[in-house]
Amino acid sequence: MPPQPPDPPASRAFDETDIQLLDALHANPRASFERLGPALDISGVTAARRWQRLVESGRAWVSSVPGPQLALAGASLEIRAQPGRALEVARALAMVPQVMSVYATDGAFDLQALVITDTVASLSRLLLEHLTGIPGIATAQSQVCLEWYSGTRWRLGAIDTTQQHSVTDGSGNRPPSVGKQLAFRNRTLTPEDRALFLALQHDGRARYRDLATQLGMTEQQVRRRLDTLVRHGVLGFRTDFTRSEGGWPTEYALRISVPHHALAEVGTEIGRWPQTRICTATTGPANLLVMAQVHHTSDLTGLFDRIRSGTPVAQVLDHRLVLRAVKSWGRLLDENGHSSGIVPVDPWASWHSATAPQPDRRSSAPARS
């Protein structure tokens, strides 16, 4: 093993080795450090130490996410706040467990939130009876999400194909290719599985024995249940980090109009682009929502060019710059994009739980079994 690269000082967010580690964990969020280290030409101990530093500083984390076959209903909610109350409303939204992400944007609306529930009926109640009644909201409009075309295993381009295969065995988390039927969301979770799902949102790399202690199960039961849920497509994992400090400081929300007959093809194509974080079909004339991460604000031109050349039937009707991410898949973010707490995304939360709980500020454990 060659000499190990020193850890960057605490005042410095990421170095090249950190970015490689993050890219490998994007490819396989629960890969062991013993597997990650050799793939990156460092020791497993060094990989673990680096990950621990990133987690403890709030710069990186791994969370559980719904798999492609879990029965869910979602929507995009756009909000215009009363003058001077945008961040107040954003923070109130972030405390709702069914709200997975909240963004402050420029443009006609101040905020965009993504919400998720277990049924359309629950989604309707959430949108009509709760969220729009949050103090400080002037106007709001929603679009129901019809199909998701993006995955959760984004690539940062820091590791090569050989390194990726060494940590994943070639597996991935992308939607099926065009011509194949997208996964039909028809599976549900038992109460015990929901508890496992929520526990893994705090730390998607948690050890089996720690999960067993928390959930009152045996380690073998936890391992078997987790493997089954992943294999059946109802549970997945995602790696996140402070994107502004890792070289991806700019995010746009694009509203795109696509002829209905071409929607699945266009959505699948854009969903596999490396810039795409979220790509979902929605109701309304702008029937494709894309959240895209780029290196610079000027990169939007290149993104438009790619949409025009690669999907000529698609027309961008609106684009907005994300001024601040307040919540990202359950993680509360400070103004620098660091994780400052967590309100776990709970699509099954009771109606009364849609009021603001206290955020959990536990840090994720750095290691796993």
Protein backbone atom coordinates (compact mmCIF):
# COMPACT_ATOMS: atom_id res chain seq x y z
CA MET A 1 0.00 0.00 0.00
CA PRO A 2 1.51 3.41 -0.95
CA PRO A 3 1.89 6.20 1.63
CA GLN A 4 -1.51 7.45 2.73
CA PRO A 5 -2.54 10.99 1.73
CA PRO A 6 -2.83 13.24 4.77
CA ASP A 7 -6.25 14.42 5.83
CA PRO A 8 -7.01 17.99 4.78
CA PRO A 9 -7.18 20.53 7.63
CA ALA A 10 -10.56 21.05 9.25
CA SER A 11 -10.91 24.46 7.59
CA ARG A 12 -10.73 22.82 4.17
CA ALA A 13 -13.78 20.90 3.06
CA PHE A 14 -12.74 18.32 0.48
CA ASP A 15 -9.55 17.24 -1.20
CA GLU A 16 -9.20 14.93 -4.20
CA THR A 17 -9.22 11.77 -2.09
CA ASP A 18 -12.40 12.91 -0.32
CA ILE A 19 -14.13 13.45 -3.65
CA GLN A 20 -13.07 9.99 -4.79
CA LEU A 21 -14.44 8.54 -1.55
CA LEU A 22 -17.73 10.38 -2.07
CA ASP A 23 -17.95 9.18 -5.66
CA ALA A 24 -17.39 5.59 -4.56
CA LEU A 25 -20.07 5.97 -1.89
CA HIS A 26 -22.43 7.42 -4.48
CA ALA A 27 -21.91 4.20 -6.42
CA ASN A 28 -22.42 2.00 -3.35
CA PRO A 29 -23.50 3.87 -0.20
CA ARG A 30 -23.09 0.86 2.12
CA ALA A 31 -19.79 -0.44 0.78
CA SER A 32 -17.44 -1.45 3.59
CA PHE A 33 -14.32 0.59 4.24
CA GLU A 34 -12.30 -2.57 3.68
CA ARG A 35 -13.68 -2.56 0.14
CA LEU A 36 -13.56 1.19 -0.42
CA GLY A 37 -9.95 1.64 0.66
CA PRO A 38 -8.22 -0.63 -1.89
CA ALA A 39 -10.43 0.73 -4.68
CA LEU A 40 -9.12 4.22 -3.91
CA ASP A 41 -5.54 3.12 -3.26
CA ILE A 42 -5.78 3.95 0.45
CA SER A 43 -6.23 1.78 3.52
CA GLY A 44 -9.63 0.93 4.93
CA VAL A 45 -8.65 2.72 8.15
CA THR A 46 -7.87 5.89 6.20
CA ALA A 47 -11.18 5.68 4.33
CA ALA A 48 -13.05 5.28 7.64
CA ARG A 49 -11.20 8.19 9.24
CA ARG A 50 -11.92 10.47 6.31
CA TRP A 51 -15.60 9.52 6.25
CA GLN A 52 -15.88 10.12 9.99
CA ARG A 53 -14.42 13.61 9.59
CA LEU A 54 -16.88 14.46 6.81
CA VAL A 55 -19.85 13.15 8.80
CA GLU A 56 -18.92 14.89 12.02
CA SER A 57 -18.50 18.22 10.22
CA GLY A 58 -21.93 17.87 8.59
CA ARG A 59 -20.41 17.74 5.12
CA ALA A 60 -21.52 14.24 4.08
CA TRP A 61 -24.11 11.64 5.02
CA VAL A 62 -25.87 8.50 3.77
CA SER A 63 -29.64 8.01 4.04
CA SER A 64 -32.21 5.37 3.22
CA VAL A 65 -34.61 6.19 0.36
CA PRO A 66 -37.67 4.48 -1.14
CA GLY A 67 -36.93 1.88 -3.78
CA PRO A 68 -38.52 2.04 -7.25
CA GLN A 69 -41.33 -0.39 -6.35
CA LEU A 70 -42.50 1.15 -3.08
CA ALA A 71 -46.07 2.48 -3.33
CA LEU A 72 -45.92 6.25 -2.83
CA ALA A 73 -47.55 9.49 -3.99
CA GLY A 74 -45.66 12.75 -4.41
CA ALA A 75 -46.03 16.34 -5.52
CA SER A 76 -44.11 19.52 -6.16
CA LEU A 77 -45.38 22.53 -4.21
CA GLU A 78 -44.51 26.06 -5.34
CA ILE A 79 -45.03 28.85 -2.82
CA ARG A 80 -45.07 32.62 -2.90
CA ALA A 81 -44.50 33.87 0.63
CA GLN A 82 -45.63 37.08 2.22
CA PRO A 83 -42.90 39.74 1.99
CA GLY A 84 -39.96 38.96 4.23
CA ARG A 85 -41.31 35.58 5.38
CA ALA A 86 -39.83 33.18 2.81
CA LEU A 87 -37.26 31.60 5.13
CA GLU A 88 -39.79 31.40 7.96
CA VAL A 89 -42.14 29.44 5.72
CA ALA A 90 -39.27 27.30 4.41
CA ARG A 91 -38.25 26.29 7.93
CA ALA A 92 -41.84 25.46 8.85
CA LEU A 93 -42.15 23.26 5.77
CA ALA A 94 -38.84 21.56 6.58
CA MET A 95 -40.22 20.38 9.93
CA VAL A 96 -43.01 18.36 8.27
CA PRO A 97 -42.00 14.68 7.92
CA GLN A 98 -43.82 14.27 4.59
CA VAL A 99 -41.82 17.17 3.09
CA MET A 100 -38.63 15.65 1.75
CA SER A 101 -36.89 18.75 0.34
CA VAL A 102 -37.32 22.54 0.46
CA TYR A 103 -35.56 25.03 -1.81
CA ALA A 104 -35.56 28.83 -1.83
CA THR A 105 -35.49 29.97 -5.46
CA ASP A 106 -35.56 33.07 -7.58
CA GLY A 107 -38.36 33.66 -10.06
CA ALA A 108 -42.12 33.93 -9.67
CA PHE A 109 -42.24 31.71 -6.57
CA ASP A 110 -40.06 32.02 -3.48
CA LEU A 111 -40.02 28.35 -2.50
CA GLN A 112 -40.27 24.91 -4.00
CA ALA A 113 -40.99 21.88 -1.83
CA LEU A 114 -41.17 18.20 -2.74
CA VAL A 115 -43.61 16.15 -0.68
CA ILE A 116 -44.25 12.43 -0.45
CA THR A 117 -46.97 10.31 1.17
CA ASP A 118 -48.14 6.72 1.05
CA THR A 119 -51.40 7.31 -0.88
CA VAL A 120 -53.02 9.89 -3.13
CA ALA A 121 -55.68 10.44 -0.48
CA SER A 122 -53.01 11.29 2.10
CA LEU A 123 -51.31 13.56 -0.41
CA SER A 124 -54.56 15.40 -1.06
CA ARG A 125 -55.15 16.00 2.65
CA LEU A 126 -51.58 17.18 3.13
CA LEU A 127 -51.78 19.68 0.26
CA LEU A 128 -55.31 20.93 0.86
CA GLU A 129 -55.63 20.91 4.63
CA HIS A 130 -52.18 21.41 6.07
CA LEU A 131 -49.27 22.73 4.04
CA THR A 132 -51.01 25.64 2.37
CA GLY A 133 -52.26 26.78 5.79
CA ILE A 134 -48.75 27.38 7.14
CA PRO A 135 -48.51 31.03 8.34
CA GLY A 136 -46.69 33.31 5.93
CA ILE A 137 -47.84 31.69 2.69
CA ALA A 138 -49.46 34.14 0.26
CA THR A 139 -50.21 31.77 -2.63
CA ALA A 140 -49.30 28.20 -3.56
CA GLN A 141 -49.79 25.76 -6.38
CA SER A 142 -49.00 22.07 -6.65
CA GLN A 143 -48.30 19.53 -9.37
CA VAL A 144 -48.65 15.83 -8.62
CA CYS A 145 -45.67 13.66 -9.57
CA LEU A 146 -46.68 10.88 -11.95
CA GLU A 147 -43.43 9.00 -12.61
CA TRP A 148 -39.81 9.26 -11.44
CA TYR A 149 -37.07 8.88 -14.03
CA SER A 150 -34.02 9.70 -11.91
CA GLY A 151 -32.16 7.36 -9.59
CA THR A 152 -30.14 8.06 -6.46
CA ARG A 153 -26.68 6.86 -7.51
CA TRP A 154 -25.25 10.02 -9.04
CA ARG A 155 -21.70 10.08 -10.37
CA LEU A 156 -19.15 12.77 -9.58
CA GLY A 157 -16.63 11.64 -12.21
CA ALA A 158 -13.81 11.19 -9.68
CA ILE A 159 -13.36 7.41 -10.02
CA ASP A 160 -13.01 5.39 -13.19
CA THR A 161 -15.08 2.45 -14.38
CA THR A 162 -12.72 -0.12 -12.87
CA GLN A 163 -12.91 1.52 -9.46
CA GLN A 164 -16.68 1.75 -9.70
CA HIS A 165 -17.03 -1.94 -10.50
CA SER A 166 -14.70 -2.84 -7.65
CA VAL A 167 -17.10 -1.29 -5.12
CA THR A 168 -20.39 -2.24 -6.81
CA ASP A 169 -19.86 -5.49 -8.72
CA GLY A 170 -21.30 -3.57 -11.66
CA SER A 171 -24.68 -3.02 -9.97
CA GLY A 172 -26.49 0.29 -10.28
CA ASN A 173 -29.60 2.20 -9.35
CA ARG A 174 -30.76 3.69 -12.62
CA PRO A 175 -34.20 3.35 -14.12
CA PRO A 176 -34.71 0.75 -16.86
CA SER A 177 -33.63 1.73 -20.34
CA VAL A 178 -36.11 3.07 -22.86
CA GLY A 179 -38.27 0.30 -24.22
CA LYS A 180 -38.52 -1.48 -20.88
CA GLN A 181 -41.45 -0.91 -18.56
CA LEU A 182 -40.62 1.30 -15.60
CA ALA A 183 -41.02 -0.31 -12.19
CA PHE A 184 -44.61 -0.26 -10.98
CA ARG A 185 -44.94 1.06 -7.44
CA ASN A 186 -47.18 -1.52 -5.82
CA ARG A 187 -45.28 -2.78 -2.77
CA THR A 188 -45.79 -1.64 0.81
CA LEU A 189 -43.86 -1.91 4.07
CA THR A 190 -44.82 -3.55 7.33
CA PRO A 191 -44.59 -1.44 10.51
CA GLU A 192 -41.32 -3.23 11.35
CA ASP A 193 -39.89 -2.44 7.92
CA ARG A 194 -40.96 1.19 8.25
CA ALA A 195 -39.05 1.40 11.52
CA LEU A 196 -35.95 0.02 9.78
CA PHE A 197 -36.40 2.49 6.91
CA LEU A 198 -36.62 5.43 9.33
CA ALA A 199 -33.67 4.25 11.43
CA LEU A 200 -31.52 4.10 8.31
CA GLN A 201 -32.36 7.70 7.45
CA HIS A 202 -30.35 8.78 10.48
CA ASP A 203 -27.41 6.75 9.27
CA GLY A 204 -27.64 4.75 6.08
CA ARG A 205 -24.33 3.07 6.93
CA ALA A 206 -25.38 1.97 10.42
CA ARG A 207 -24.00 -1.35 11.67
CA TYR A 208 -26.38 -4.29 11.72
CA ARG A 209 -25.78 -4.78 15.42
CA ASP A 210 -26.60 -1.12 16.18
CA LEU A 211 -29.82 -1.37 14.17
CA ALA A 212 -30.70 -4.61 15.95
CA THR A 213 -30.29 -2.95 19.35
CA GLN A 214 -32.35 0.06 18.31
CA LEU A 215 -35.17 -1.98 16.78
CA GLY A 216 -35.30 -4.86 19.27
CA MET A 217 -34.35 -7.45 16.65
CA THR A 218 -31.48 -9.85 16.20
CA GLU A 219 -28.59 -8.88 13.97
CA GLN A 220 -29.46 -11.74 11.62
CA GLN A 221 -33.07 -10.53 11.36
CA VAL A 222 -31.94 -7.01 10.49
CA ARG A 223 -29.50 -8.24 7.86
CA ARG A 224 -32.13 -10.51 6.31
CA ARG A 225 -34.86 -7.84 6.29
CA LEU A 226 -32.58 -5.18 4.80
CA ASP A 227 -31.32 -7.49 2.07
CA THR A 228 -34.89 -8.53 1.22
CA LEU A 229 -36.16 -4.96 1.03
CA VAL A 230 -33.33 -3.92 -1.27
CA ARG A 231 -33.74 -6.98 -3.46
CA HIS A 232 -37.50 -6.37 -3.81
CA GLY A 233 -36.94 -2.76 -4.85
CA VAL A 234 -38.59 -1.04 -1.89
CA LEU A 235 -35.47 0.25 -0.14
CA GLY A 236 -32.42 2.06 -1.47
CA PHE A 237 -29.68 4.38 -0.27
CA ARG A 238 -28.24 7.71 -1.31
CA THR A 239 -25.06 9.60 -0.49
CA ASP A 240 -25.17 13.38 -0.08
CA PHE A 241 -22.58 16.02 0.67
CA THR A 242 -22.10 19.77 0.87
CA ARG A 243 -22.18 20.32 -2.86
CA SER A 244 -21.02 23.94 -2.78
CA GLU A 245 -17.72 22.83 -1.18
CA GLY A 246 -17.32 19.83 -3.45
CA GLY A 247 -17.39 21.75 -6.74
CA TRP A 248 -21.14 21.68 -7.52
CA PRO A 249 -22.42 24.93 -5.97
CA THR A 250 -25.19 25.73 -8.46
CA GLU A 251 -28.58 24.06 -8.79
CA TYR A 252 -31.44 24.89 -11.13
CA ALA A 253 -35.08 23.85 -11.19
CA LEU A 254 -36.29 23.42 -14.77
CA ARG A 255 -39.92 23.16 -15.86
CA ILE A 256 -40.09 21.43 -19.22
CA SER A 257 -43.00 20.72 -21.57
CA VAL A 258 -42.87 17.40 -23.41
CA PRO A 259 -45.50 15.83 -25.69
CA HIS A 260 -47.18 13.06 -23.74
CA HIS A 261 -46.18 10.36 -26.22
CA ALA A 262 -42.49 11.22 -25.73
CA LEU A 263 -42.54 11.89 -21.98
CA ALA A 264 -41.15 8.52 -20.84
CA GLU A 265 -38.37 8.57 -23.44
CA VAL A 266 -37.34 12.16 -22.71
CA GLY A 267 -37.61 11.69 -18.95
CA THR A 268 -35.49 8.55 -19.01
CA GLU A 269 -32.87 10.26 -21.18
CA ILE A 270 -32.57 13.37 -18.99
CA GLY A 271 -32.80 11.25 -15.84
CA ARG A 272 -29.53 9.49 -16.68
CA TRP A 273 -27.52 12.69 -17.27
CA PRO A 274 -24.83 13.31 -14.63
CA GLN A 275 -26.19 16.80 -13.91
CA THR A 276 -29.65 15.49 -13.07
CA ARG A 277 -30.53 15.11 -9.40
CA ILE A 278 -34.30 14.81 -9.82
CA CYS A 279 -36.36 14.11 -12.93
CA THR A 280 -40.07 13.46 -12.54
CA ALA A 281 -43.16 13.68 -14.71
CA THR A 282 -45.86 15.93 -13.25
CA THR A 283 -49.33 17.17 -14.02
CA GLY A 284 -49.71 20.49 -15.82
CA PRO A 285 -48.45 21.98 -19.09
CA ALA A 286 -44.85 21.92 -17.83
CA ASN A 287 -45.02 18.17 -17.29
CA LEU A 288 -41.37 17.40 -16.51
CA LEU A 289 -39.57 18.75 -13.43
CA VAL A 290 -35.78 18.55 -13.49
CA MET A 291 -33.43 19.54 -10.67
CA ALA A 292 -29.96 19.89 -12.18
CA GLN A 293 -26.63 20.44 -10.40
CA VAL A 294 -23.83 22.25 -12.27
CA HIS A 295 -20.44 23.75 -11.52
CA HIS A 296 -21.21 27.34 -12.53
CA THR A 297 -24.27 29.48 -13.24
CA SER A 298 -23.03 29.81 -16.82
CA ASP A 299 -23.31 26.02 -17.28
CA LEU A 300 -27.05 26.46 -17.72
CA THR A 301 -26.43 27.37 -21.36
CA GLY A 302 -24.74 24.03 -21.99
CA LEU A 303 -27.61 22.25 -20.26
CA PHE A 304 -30.12 24.02 -22.50
CA ASP A 305 -28.06 23.09 -25.55
CA ARG A 306 -28.07 19.45 -24.51
CA ILE A 307 -31.82 19.47 -23.99
CA ARG A 308 -32.32 21.07 -27.39
CA SER A 309 -30.02 18.67 -29.23
CA GLY A 310 -30.66 15.47 -27.29
CA THR A 311 -34.41 15.86 -26.73
CA PRO A 312 -35.61 18.27 -29.44
CA VAL A 313 -39.32 17.74 -28.63
CA ALA A 314 -38.75 19.15 -25.11
CA GLN A 315 -39.28 22.85 -24.45
CA VAL A 316 -38.01 24.57 -21.30
CA LEU A 317 -40.85 26.80 -20.08
CA ASP A 318 -39.25 28.05 -16.87
CA HIS A 319 -35.97 27.83 -15.03
CA ARG A 320 -35.08 29.01 -11.55
CA LEU A 321 -31.86 29.25 -9.62
CA VAL A 322 -31.85 27.58 -6.22
CA LEU A 323 -30.74 30.31 -3.81
CA ARG A 324 -30.57 27.98 -0.82
CA ALA A 325 -31.46 24.39 -0.01
CA VAL A 326 -33.18 24.45 3.38
CA LYS A 327 -33.90 20.72 3.52
CA SER A 328 -32.56 17.94 1.30
CA TRP A 329 -34.12 14.48 1.68
CA GLY A 330 -34.76 14.91 5.38
CA ARG A 331 -31.52 16.72 6.23
CA LEU A 332 -31.83 20.25 7.56
CA LEU A 333 -29.12 22.38 5.97
CA ASP A 334 -27.54 25.58 7.23
CA GLU A 335 -26.72 28.49 4.95
CA ASN A 336 -23.43 26.81 3.98
CA GLY A 337 -25.12 23.56 2.99
CA HIS A 338 -23.90 21.62 6.05
CA SER A 339 -26.22 19.15 7.75
CA SER A 340 -27.50 20.74 10.96
CA GLY A 341 -30.13 18.14 11.90
CA ILE A 342 -32.66 15.74 10.48
CA VAL A 343 -36.43 15.51 10.20
CA PRO A 344 -36.69 12.02 8.70
CA VAL A 345 -38.86 11.71 5.63
CA ASP A 346 -41.85 9.65 6.77
CA PRO A 347 -44.49 9.10 4.07
CA TRP A 348 -46.59 7.12 6.57
CA ALA A 349 -46.61 9.69 9.35
CA SER A 350 -49.98 10.15 11.01
CA TRP A 351 -51.95 13.25 10.17
CA HIS A 352 -51.11 14.79 13.53
CA SER A 353 -47.41 14.12 12.84
CA ALA A 354 -47.58 16.58 9.96
CA THR A 355 -47.05 19.30 12.55
CA ALA A 356 -43.53 20.36 13.29
CA PRO A 357 -41.49 17.83 15.32
CA GLN A 358 -38.19 18.77 16.87
CA PRO A 359 -35.29 18.07 14.49
CA ASP A 360 -33.00 15.23 15.43
CA ARG A 361 -29.44 16.53 15.55
CA ARG A 362 -27.73 13.20 16.13
CA SER A 363 -24.65 12.76 13.96
CA SER A 364 -24.36 9.64 11.85
CA ALA A 365 -22.06 6.89 13.01
CA PRO A 366 -19.08 6.66 10.65
CA ALA A 367 -18.79 2.91 10.35
CA ARG A 368 -20.91 -0.09 9.49
CA SER A 369 -20.65 -3.84 9.66
